[in-house]
C-alpha atoms as a PDB file:
ATOM      1  CA  MET A   1     -14.280 -22.663 -19.405  1.00  0.00           C
ATOM      2  CA  SER A   2     -13.064 -25.336 -21.849  1.00  0.00           C
ATOM      3  CA  PRO A   3     -10.443 -27.890 -20.719  1.00  0.00           C
ATOM      4  CA  SER A   4      -7.850 -26.223 -22.938  1.00  0.00           C
ATOM      5  CA  SER A   5      -8.490 -22.702 -21.597  1.00  0.00           C
ATOM      6  CA  PRO A   6      -5.820 -21.314 -19.248  1.00  0.00           C
ATOM      7  CA  ALA A   7      -6.877 -20.912 -15.625  1.00  0.00           C
ATOM      8  CA  ARG A   8      -7.597 -17.333 -14.644  1.00  0.00           C
ATOM      9  CA  GLU A   9      -5.023 -16.044 -12.164  1.00  0.00           C
ATOM     10  CA  ILE A  10      -6.348 -15.242  -8.719  1.00  0.00           C
ATOM     11  CA  PRO A  11      -6.133 -11.493  -7.934  1.00  0.00           C
ATOM     12  CA  ALA A  12      -3.604 -10.517  -5.304  1.00  0.00           C
ATOM     13  CA  VAL A  13      -6.166  -8.352  -3.495  1.00  0.00           C
ATOM     14  CA  ARG A  14      -9.928  -8.490  -3.910  1.00  0.00           C
ATOM     15  CA  LEU A  15     -12.736  -6.654  -2.112  1.00  0.00           C
ATOM     16  CA  VAL A  16     -16.225  -7.954  -2.800  1.00  0.00           C
ATOM     17  CA  GLU A  17     -19.236  -5.779  -1.920  1.00  0.00           C
ATOM     18  CA  VAL A  18     -17.491  -4.417   1.187  1.00  0.00           C
ATOM     19  CA  SER A  19     -19.512  -2.105   3.432  1.00  0.00           C
ATOM     20  CA  LYS A  20     -18.335  -0.279   6.547  1.00  0.00           C
ATOM     21  CA  ALA A  21     -20.067   2.250   8.773  1.00  0.00           C
ATOM     22  CA  PHE A  22     -19.157   3.978  12.008  1.00  0.00           C
ATOM     23  CA  GLY A  23     -22.439   4.635  13.729  1.00  0.00           C
ATOM     24  CA  ASP A  24     -24.629   6.489  11.242  1.00  0.00           C
ATOM     25  CA  LEU A  25     -21.681   7.405   9.010  1.00  0.00           C
ATOM     26  CA  VAL A  26     -21.464   5.060   6.033  1.00  0.00           C
ATOM     27  CA  VAL A  27     -17.839   5.088   4.813  1.00  0.00           C
ATOM     28  CA  LEU A  28     -17.911   2.209   2.327  1.00  0.00           C
ATOM     29  CA  ASP A  29     -21.091   1.031   0.618  1.00  0.00           C
ATOM     30  CA  ARG A  30     -20.722  -2.278  -1.271  1.00  0.00           C
ATOM     31  CA  VAL A  31     -17.298  -1.420  -2.659  1.00  0.00           C
ATOM     32  CA  SER A  32     -15.680  -3.967  -4.979  1.00  0.00           C
ATOM     33  CA  LEU A  33     -12.244  -3.863  -6.582  1.00  0.00           C
ATOM     34  CA  ALA A  34      -9.561  -6.307  -7.630  1.00  0.00           C
ATOM     35  CA  VAL A  35      -5.806  -5.836  -7.948  1.00  0.00           C
ATOM     36  CA  ALA A  36      -3.987  -8.303 -10.198  1.00  0.00           C
ATOM     37  CA  LYS A  37      -0.720  -9.897  -9.177  1.00  0.00           C
ATOM     38  CA  GLY A  38       2.131  -7.534 -10.044  1.00  0.00           C
ATOM     39  CA  GLU A  39      -0.194  -4.576 -10.665  1.00  0.00           C
ATOM     40  CA  THR A  40      -0.065  -1.113  -9.149  1.00  0.00           C
ATOM     41  CA  ALA A  41      -3.543   0.150  -8.285  1.00  0.00           C
ATOM     42  CA  LEU A  42      -4.382   3.538  -6.818  1.00  0.00           C
ATOM     43  CA  VAL A  43      -7.409   4.515  -4.762  1.00  0.00           C
ATOM     44  CA  MET A  44      -7.935   8.258  -5.080  1.00  0.00           C
ATOM     45  CA  GLY A  45     -10.478  10.648  -3.630  1.00  0.00           C
ATOM     46  CA  GLY A  46     -10.869  13.710  -1.475  1.00  0.00           C
ATOM     47  CA  SER A  47     -10.059  13.940   2.220  1.00  0.00           C
ATOM     48  CA  GLY A  48     -12.447  11.902   4.329  1.00  0.00           C
ATOM     49  CA  SER A  49     -13.657   9.799   1.398  1.00  0.00           C
ATOM     50  CA  GLY A  50     -12.773   6.504   3.095  1.00  0.00           C
ATOM     51  CA  LYS A  51      -9.519   5.648   1.307  1.00  0.00           C
ATOM     52  CA  SER A  52      -7.595   4.728   4.462  1.00  0.00           C
ATOM     53  CA  VAL A  53     -10.584   2.812   5.821  1.00  0.00           C
ATOM     54  CA  LEU A  54     -10.610   0.749   2.634  1.00  0.00           C
ATOM     55  CA  ILE A  55      -6.944  -0.217   2.760  1.00  0.00           C
ATOM     56  CA  LYS A  56      -7.075  -1.194   6.440  1.00  0.00           C
ATOM     57  CA  HIS A  57      -9.500  -3.991   5.546  1.00  0.00           C
ATOM     58  CA  VAL A  58      -6.805  -5.768   3.510  1.00  0.00           C
ATOM     59  CA  VAL A  59      -4.903  -6.794   6.656  1.00  0.00           C
ATOM     60  CA  GLN A  60      -7.932  -6.824   8.980  1.00  0.00           C
ATOM     61  CA  LEU A  61      -7.022  -3.667  10.868  1.00  0.00           C
ATOM     62  CA  LEU A  62     -10.733  -3.177  10.234  1.00  0.00           C
ATOM     63  CA  ARG A  63     -13.363  -5.813   9.489  1.00  0.00           C
ATOM     64  CA  PRO A  64     -16.243  -5.129   7.100  1.00  0.00           C
ATOM     65  CA  ASP A  65     -19.827  -4.950   8.273  1.00  0.00           C
ATOM     66  CA  SER A  66     -20.616  -7.026   5.189  1.00  0.00           C
ATOM     67  CA  GLY A  67     -18.777  -8.288   2.139  1.00  0.00           C
ATOM     68  CA  GLU A  68     -15.558 -10.219   1.634  1.00  0.00           C
ATOM     69  CA  VAL A  69     -11.839  -9.348   1.637  1.00  0.00           C
ATOM     70  CA  TRP A  70      -9.374 -11.675  -0.093  1.00  0.00           C
ATOM     71  CA  VAL A  71      -5.582 -11.812  -0.316  1.00  0.00           C
ATOM     72  CA  PHE A  72      -4.848 -14.345  -3.045  1.00  0.00           C
ATOM     73  CA  ASP A  73      -6.872 -17.412  -1.982  1.00  0.00           C
ATOM     74  CA  ARG A  74      -7.304 -16.449   1.680  1.00  0.00           C
ATOM     75  CA  ARG A  75     -10.446 -14.733   2.897  1.00  0.00           C
ATOM     76  CA  VAL A  76      -8.890 -12.253   5.327  1.00  0.00           C
ATOM     77  CA  ASP A  77     -11.998 -10.972   7.101  1.00  0.00           C
ATOM     78  CA  THR A  78     -12.709 -14.448   8.529  1.00  0.00           C
ATOM     79  CA  LEU A  79      -9.155 -15.305   9.632  1.00  0.00           C
ATOM     80  CA  ARG A  80      -7.954 -15.475  13.217  1.00  0.00           C
ATOM     81  CA  GLY A  81      -4.745 -16.218  15.095  1.00  0.00           C
ATOM     82  CA  ALA A  82      -1.793 -17.748  13.264  1.00  0.00           C
ATOM     83  CA  GLU A  83      -3.568 -17.764   9.891  1.00  0.00           C
ATOM     84  CA  LEU A  84      -4.168 -14.022  10.081  1.00  0.00           C
ATOM     85  CA  ASP A  85      -0.594 -13.418  11.253  1.00  0.00           C
ATOM     86  CA  ALA A  86       0.733 -15.338   8.233  1.00  0.00           C
ATOM     87  CA  VAL A  87      -1.232 -13.143   5.816  1.00  0.00           C
ATOM     88  CA  ARG A  88      -0.134  -9.970   7.575  1.00  0.00           C
ATOM     89  CA  LEU A  89       3.518 -11.011   7.336  1.00  0.00           C
ATOM     90  CA  SER A  90       3.117 -11.420   3.563  1.00  0.00           C
ATOM     91  CA  VAL A  91       1.839  -7.856   3.187  1.00  0.00           C
ATOM     92  CA  GLY A  92       4.033  -4.792   3.694  1.00  0.00           C
ATOM     93  CA  TYR A  93       2.271  -1.681   4.994  1.00  0.00           C
ATOM     94  CA  LEU A  94       3.654   1.841   4.681  1.00  0.00           C
ATOM     95  CA  PHE A  95       1.632   3.946   7.095  1.00  0.00           C
ATOM     96  CA  GLN A  96       0.895   7.591   6.401  1.00  0.00           C
ATOM     97  CA  GLY A  97       3.364   8.829   8.997  1.00  0.00           C
ATOM     98  CA  GLY A  98       5.915   6.084   8.389  1.00  0.00           C
ATOM     99  CA  ALA A  99       5.456   4.724  11.950  1.00  0.00           C
ATOM    100  CA  LEU A 100       9.174   4.288  12.613  1.00  0.00           C
ATOM    101  CA  PHE A 101      10.170   3.665  16.221  1.00  0.00           C
ATOM    102  CA  ASP A 102      11.658   6.974  17.382  1.00  0.00           C
ATOM    103  CA  SER A 103      13.872   5.335  20.010  1.00  0.00           C
ATOM    104  CA  MET A 104      15.577   3.095  17.439  1.00  0.00           C
ATOM    105  CA  THR A 105      18.005   3.930  14.670  1.00  0.00           C
ATOM    106  CA  VAL A 106      16.965   3.303  11.076  1.00  0.00           C
ATOM    107  CA  GLY A 107      18.965   0.092  11.051  1.00  0.00           C
ATOM    108  CA  GLU A 108      17.437  -1.076  14.325  1.00  0.00           C
ATOM    109  CA  ASN A 109      13.952  -0.371  12.958  1.00  0.00           C
ATOM    110  CA  ILE A 110      14.594  -2.780  10.098  1.00  0.00           C
ATOM    111  CA  ASP A 111      16.441  -5.326  12.231  1.00  0.00           C
ATOM    112  CA  PHE A 112      13.490  -5.379  14.653  1.00  0.00           C
ATOM    113  CA  LEU A 113      11.450  -7.310  12.063  1.00  0.00           C
ATOM    114  CA  LEU A 114      14.319  -9.447  10.835  1.00  0.00           C
ATOM    115  CA  GLU A 115      15.266 -10.635  14.317  1.00  0.00           C
ATOM    116  CA  ARG A 116      11.703 -11.666  15.176  1.00  0.00           C
ATOM    117  CA  HIS A 117      10.541 -13.158  11.922  1.00  0.00           C
ATOM    118  CA  THR A 118      13.600 -14.637  10.169  1.00  0.00           C
ATOM    119  CA  ARG A 119      16.343 -17.124  10.995  1.00  0.00           C
ATOM    120  CA  LEU A 120      19.139 -14.821   9.864  1.00  0.00           C
ATOM    121  CA  ASP A 121      22.070 -14.468  12.226  1.00  0.00           C
ATOM    122  CA  ALA A 122      23.411 -11.041  13.221  1.00  0.00           C
ATOM    123  CA  ALA A 123      25.736 -10.828  10.213  1.00  0.00           C
ATOM    124  CA  GLY A 124      22.982 -11.861   7.827  1.00  0.00           C
ATOM    125  CA  ARG A 125      20.579  -9.334   9.297  1.00  0.00           C
ATOM    126  CA  ARG A 126      23.177  -6.592   9.037  1.00  0.00           C
ATOM    127  CA  ALA A 127      23.759  -7.423   5.371  1.00  0.00           C
ATOM    128  CA  ARG A 128      20.011  -7.403   4.734  1.00  0.00           C
ATOM    129  CA  VAL A 129      19.656  -3.975   6.389  1.00  0.00           C
ATOM    130  CA  GLU A 130      22.439  -2.606   4.212  1.00  0.00           C
ATOM    131  CA  GLU A 131      20.865  -4.102   1.080  1.00  0.00           C
ATOM    132  CA  LEU A 132      17.464  -2.577   1.830  1.00  0.00           C
ATOM    133  CA  LEU A 133      18.858   0.876   2.617  1.00  0.00           C
ATOM    134  CA  GLU A 134      20.892   0.773  -0.585  1.00  0.00           C
ATOM    135  CA  TRP A 135      17.756  -0.145  -2.554  1.00  0.00           C
ATOM    136  CA  VAL A 136      15.788   2.844  -1.204  1.00  0.00           C
ATOM    137  CA  ARG A 137      18.847   5.039  -1.823  1.00  0.00           C
ATOM    138  CA  LEU A 138      19.615   5.735   1.822  1.00  0.00           C
ATOM    139  CA  PRO A 139      23.098   4.240   2.177  1.00  0.00           C
ATOM    140  CA  GLN A 140      25.086   5.203   5.265  1.00  0.00           C
ATOM    141  CA  LEU A 141      21.961   6.175   7.262  1.00  0.00           C
ATOM    142  CA  ALA A 142      21.592   3.000   9.315  1.00  0.00           C
ATOM    143  CA  LEU A 143      22.816   4.737  12.482  1.00  0.00           C
ATOM    144  CA  ARG A 144      20.569   7.794  12.144  1.00  0.00           C
ATOM    145  CA  TYR A 145      17.457   8.217  14.275  1.00  0.00           C
ATOM    146  CA  PRO A 146      14.111   9.104  12.653  1.00  0.00           C
ATOM    147  CA  ALA A 147      14.251  12.616  14.129  1.00  0.00           C
ATOM    148  CA  GLU A 148      17.443  13.205  12.145  1.00  0.00           C
ATOM    149  CA  LEU A 149      15.802  12.411   8.788  1.00  0.00           C
ATOM    150  CA  SER A 150      13.874  14.577   6.366  1.00  0.00           C
ATOM    151  CA  GLY A 151      10.266  13.717   5.558  1.00  0.00           C
ATOM    152  CA  GLY A 152      11.207  11.972   2.338  1.00  0.00           C
ATOM    153  CA  GLN A 153      13.995  10.034   4.039  1.00  0.00           C
ATOM    154  CA  LYS A 154      11.583   8.846   6.739  1.00  0.00           C
ATOM    155  CA  LYS A 155       9.193   7.496   4.098  1.00  0.00           C
ATOM    156  CA  ARG A 156      11.997   5.675   2.299  1.00  0.00           C
ATOM    157  CA  ALA A 157      13.352   4.252   5.574  1.00  0.00           C
ATOM    158  CA  ALA A 158       9.853   3.061   6.468  1.00  0.00           C
ATOM    159  CA  LEU A 159       9.584   1.457   3.025  1.00  0.00           C
ATOM    160  CA  ALA A 160      12.874  -0.356   3.602  1.00  0.00           C
ATOM    161  CA  ARG A 161      11.464  -1.738   6.854  1.00  0.00           C
ATOM    162  CA  ALA A 162       8.212  -2.751   5.134  1.00  0.00           C
ATOM    163  CA  LEU A 163      10.229  -4.698   2.543  1.00  0.00           C
ATOM    164  CA  ALA A 164      12.342  -6.521   5.132  1.00  0.00           C
ATOM    165  CA  LEU A 165      10.260  -9.726   5.019  1.00  0.00           C
ATOM    166  CA  GLU A 166       9.987  -9.712   1.208  1.00  0.00           C
ATOM    167  CA  PRO A 167       6.216  -9.163   0.987  1.00  0.00           C
ATOM    168  CA  ALA A 168       4.226 -10.164  -2.078  1.00  0.00           C
ATOM    169  CA  ILE A 169       1.952  -7.133  -1.628  1.00  0.00           C
ATOM    170  CA  MET A 170       2.633  -3.563  -0.519  1.00  0.00           C
ATOM    171  CA  LEU A 171      -0.007  -1.225   0.877  1.00  0.00           C
ATOM    172  CA  PHE A 172       0.723   2.511   0.814  1.00  0.00           C
ATOM    173  CA  ASP A 173      -1.419   4.911   2.839  1.00  0.00           C
ATOM    174  CA  GLU A 174      -0.789   8.428   1.452  1.00  0.00           C
ATOM    175  CA  PRO A 175       2.940   7.764   0.904  1.00  0.00           C
ATOM    176  CA  THR A 176       3.700  11.294  -0.328  1.00  0.00           C
ATOM    177  CA  THR A 177       1.609  13.441   2.027  1.00  0.00           C
ATOM    178  CA  GLY A 178       3.563  16.451   3.295  1.00  0.00           C
ATOM    179  CA  LEU A 179       6.533  15.911   0.979  1.00  0.00           C
ATOM    180  CA  ASP A 180       8.107  18.412  -1.409  1.00  0.00           C
ATOM    181  CA  PRO A 181       7.885  17.628  -5.169  1.00  0.00           C
ATOM    182  CA  VAL A 182      11.408  16.188  -5.303  1.00  0.00           C
ATOM    183  CA  SER A 183      10.620  13.767  -2.470  1.00  0.00           C
ATOM    184  CA  VAL A 184       7.216  12.939  -3.988  1.00  0.00           C
ATOM    185  CA  ARG A 185       8.995  11.919  -7.173  1.00  0.00           C
ATOM    186  CA  ALA A 186      11.607   9.869  -5.293  1.00  0.00           C
ATOM    187  CA  VAL A 187       9.011   7.903  -3.312  1.00  0.00           C
ATOM    188  CA  SER A 188       6.754   7.432  -6.359  1.00  0.00           C
ATOM    189  CA  GLU A 189       9.640   6.131  -8.452  1.00  0.00           C
ATOM    190  CA  LEU A 190      10.375   3.542  -5.749  1.00  0.00           C
ATOM    191  CA  ILE A 191       6.794   2.284  -6.088  1.00  0.00           C
ATOM    192  CA  VAL A 192       7.385   1.892  -9.832  1.00  0.00           C
ATOM    193  CA  ARG A 193      10.632   0.004  -9.136  1.00  0.00           C
ATOM    194  CA  LEU A 194       8.780  -2.385  -6.822  1.00  0.00           C
ATOM    195  CA  ARG A 195       6.610  -3.391  -9.767  1.00  0.00           C
ATOM    196  CA  GLU A 196       9.284  -3.437 -12.444  1.00  0.00           C
ATOM    197  CA  GLU A 197      12.188  -4.962 -10.502  1.00  0.00           C
ATOM    198  CA  ARG A 198      10.445  -7.127  -7.908  1.00  0.00           C
ATOM    199  CA  GLY A 199       6.997  -7.848  -9.332  1.00  0.00           C
ATOM    200  CA  ILE A 200       5.364  -6.666  -6.119  1.00  0.00           C
ATOM    201  CA  THR A 201       1.660  -5.869  -6.134  1.00  0.00           C
ATOM    202  CA  SER A 202       0.970  -2.376  -4.779  1.00  0.00           C
ATOM    203  CA  LEU A 203      -2.245  -0.784  -3.569  1.00  0.00           C
ATOM    204  CA  VAL A 204      -1.675   2.945  -3.134  1.00  0.00           C
ATOM    205  CA  ILE A 205      -4.017   5.326  -1.325  1.00  0.00           C
ATOM    206  CA  THR A 206      -3.351   8.868  -2.504  1.00  0.00           C
ATOM    207  CA  HIS A 207      -4.812  12.230  -3.436  1.00  0.00           C
ATOM    208  CA  ASP A 208      -1.478  13.335  -4.942  1.00  0.00           C
ATOM    209  CA  LEU A 209      -1.725  13.809  -8.724  1.00  0.00           C
ATOM    210  CA  LEU A 210       2.046  13.795  -9.247  1.00  0.00           C
ATOM    211  CA  CYS A 211       2.297  10.473  -7.413  1.00  0.00           C
ATOM    212  CA  ALA A 212      -0.537   9.057  -9.544  1.00  0.00           C
ATOM    213  CA  GLU A 213       1.059  10.267 -12.772  1.00  0.00           C
ATOM    214  CA  ILE A 214       4.430   8.715 -11.940  1.00  0.00           C
ATOM    215  CA  THR A 215       3.235   5.391 -10.556  1.00  0.00           C
ATOM    216  CA  GLY A 216       0.668   4.694 -13.277  1.00  0.00           C
ATOM    217  CA  GLY A 217      -1.607   1.704 -12.971  1.00  0.00           C
ATOM    218  CA  THR A 218      -5.345   1.482 -12.516  1.00  0.00           C
ATOM    219  CA  VAL A 219      -7.067   4.305 -10.642  1.00  0.00           C
ATOM    220  CA  HIS A 220     -10.213   3.739  -8.579  1.00  0.00           C
ATOM    221  CA  PHE A 221     -11.870   7.002  -7.512  1.00  0.00           C
ATOM    222  CA  LEU A 222     -13.753   6.822  -4.212  1.00  0.00           C
ATOM    223  CA  HIS A 223     -16.532   9.293  -3.455  1.00  0.00           C
ATOM    224  CA  ASP A 224     -19.609   9.199  -1.255  1.00  0.00           C
ATOM    225  CA  ALA A 225     -18.759   5.680  -0.015  1.00  0.00           C
ATOM    226  CA  ALA A 226     -18.554   4.204  -3.524  1.00  0.00           C
ATOM    227  CA  ILE A 227     -16.105   3.857  -6.402  1.00  0.00           C
ATOM    228  CA  VAL A 228     -17.469   6.215  -9.053  1.00  0.00           C
ATOM    229  CA  ALA A 229     -14.829   5.658 -11.760  1.00  0.00           C
ATOM    230  CA  SER A 230     -12.051   3.186 -12.580  1.00  0.00           C
ATOM    231  CA  GLY A 231      -9.441   3.073 -15.321  1.00  0.00           C
ATOM    232  CA  ASP A 232      -6.140   4.681 -16.170  1.00  0.00           C
ATOM    233  CA  LEU A 233      -5.593   8.212 -14.890  1.00  0.00           C
ATOM    234  CA  ASP A 234      -6.575   9.911 -18.141  1.00  0.00           C
ATOM    235  CA  ALA A 235      -9.804   7.916 -18.388  1.00  0.00           C
ATOM    236  CA  VAL A 236     -10.755   8.769 -14.800  1.00  0.00           C
ATOM    237  CA  ARG A 237     -10.001  12.456 -15.440  1.00  0.00           C
ATOM    238  CA  ARG A 238     -12.474  12.394 -18.336  1.00  0.00           C
ATOM    239  CA  ALA A 239     -15.187  10.394 -16.570  1.00  0.00           C
ATOM    240  CA  ALA A 240     -18.581  12.069 -16.535  1.00  0.00           C
ATOM    241  CA  HIS A 241     -18.982  12.679 -12.816  1.00  0.00           C
ATOM    242  CA  PRO A 242     -19.072  16.230 -11.364  1.00  0.00           C
ATOM    243  CA  VAL A 243     -16.810  15.464  -8.402  1.00  0.00           C
ATOM    244  CA  LEU A 244     -14.045  14.350 -10.767  1.00  0.00           C
ATOM    245  CA  GLY A 245     -14.052  17.674 -12.575  1.00  0.00           C
ATOM    246  CA  ASN A 246     -13.665  19.481  -9.268  1.00  0.00           C
ATOM    247  CA  PHE A 247     -10.930  17.116  -8.024  1.00  0.00           C
ATOM    248  CA  PHE A 248      -8.864  17.320 -11.191  1.00  0.00           C
ATOM    249  CA  GLY A 249      -9.281  21.063 -11.573  1.00  0.00           C
ATOM    250  CA  GLY A 250     -11.996  21.214 -14.205  1.00  0.00           C
END
């Protein structure tokens, strides 16, 4: 690189030759991918293809058998203690089931993080809860319990909680599973808004074609422990691999 050349921006998320097996079952075999800052990337594939295993490596819920996992300039798979905690607090994670605390109201779920990890007083936390619920289009639901919400409302409430600490990166594990088309669209459009309004990097694990079509971004298709195609959704649809024809309906 010449002295006058601009420095290449560090990817927000980077997996380098990551392998993971459970006993004799190889789930990831030297998988590499990079997600640029502010990008939305989707990892698609059939059930059991290892999508959720892949995303869990980003915040060291799993550690690779070999390879490297990076969040910006921090190698996550080697971190411990306070350094690992700091990375995890910079990454929002929307779990497949939402993972809201059933015994807490929606507002209390969000306040739980704010009280422990910010210096906001009670009034400031309350204002932040209201702001987040307004952003995910759930105003007036702060006092509801998760059992009183629809599936789509639970996902949006869980997203509000995941955004409480203003993460630079969001991880989505099957964010639209089990939702009706209207709710799929609502959740997918929020992912788009994260990119367009907040510049948040998103890594989305999904097998939902409607979600993929709405969110856009780069698609990485995972099959047989490897990424077999990458590109925009149309390019991946056309890729010359038999499993893709089956997945996308021929």
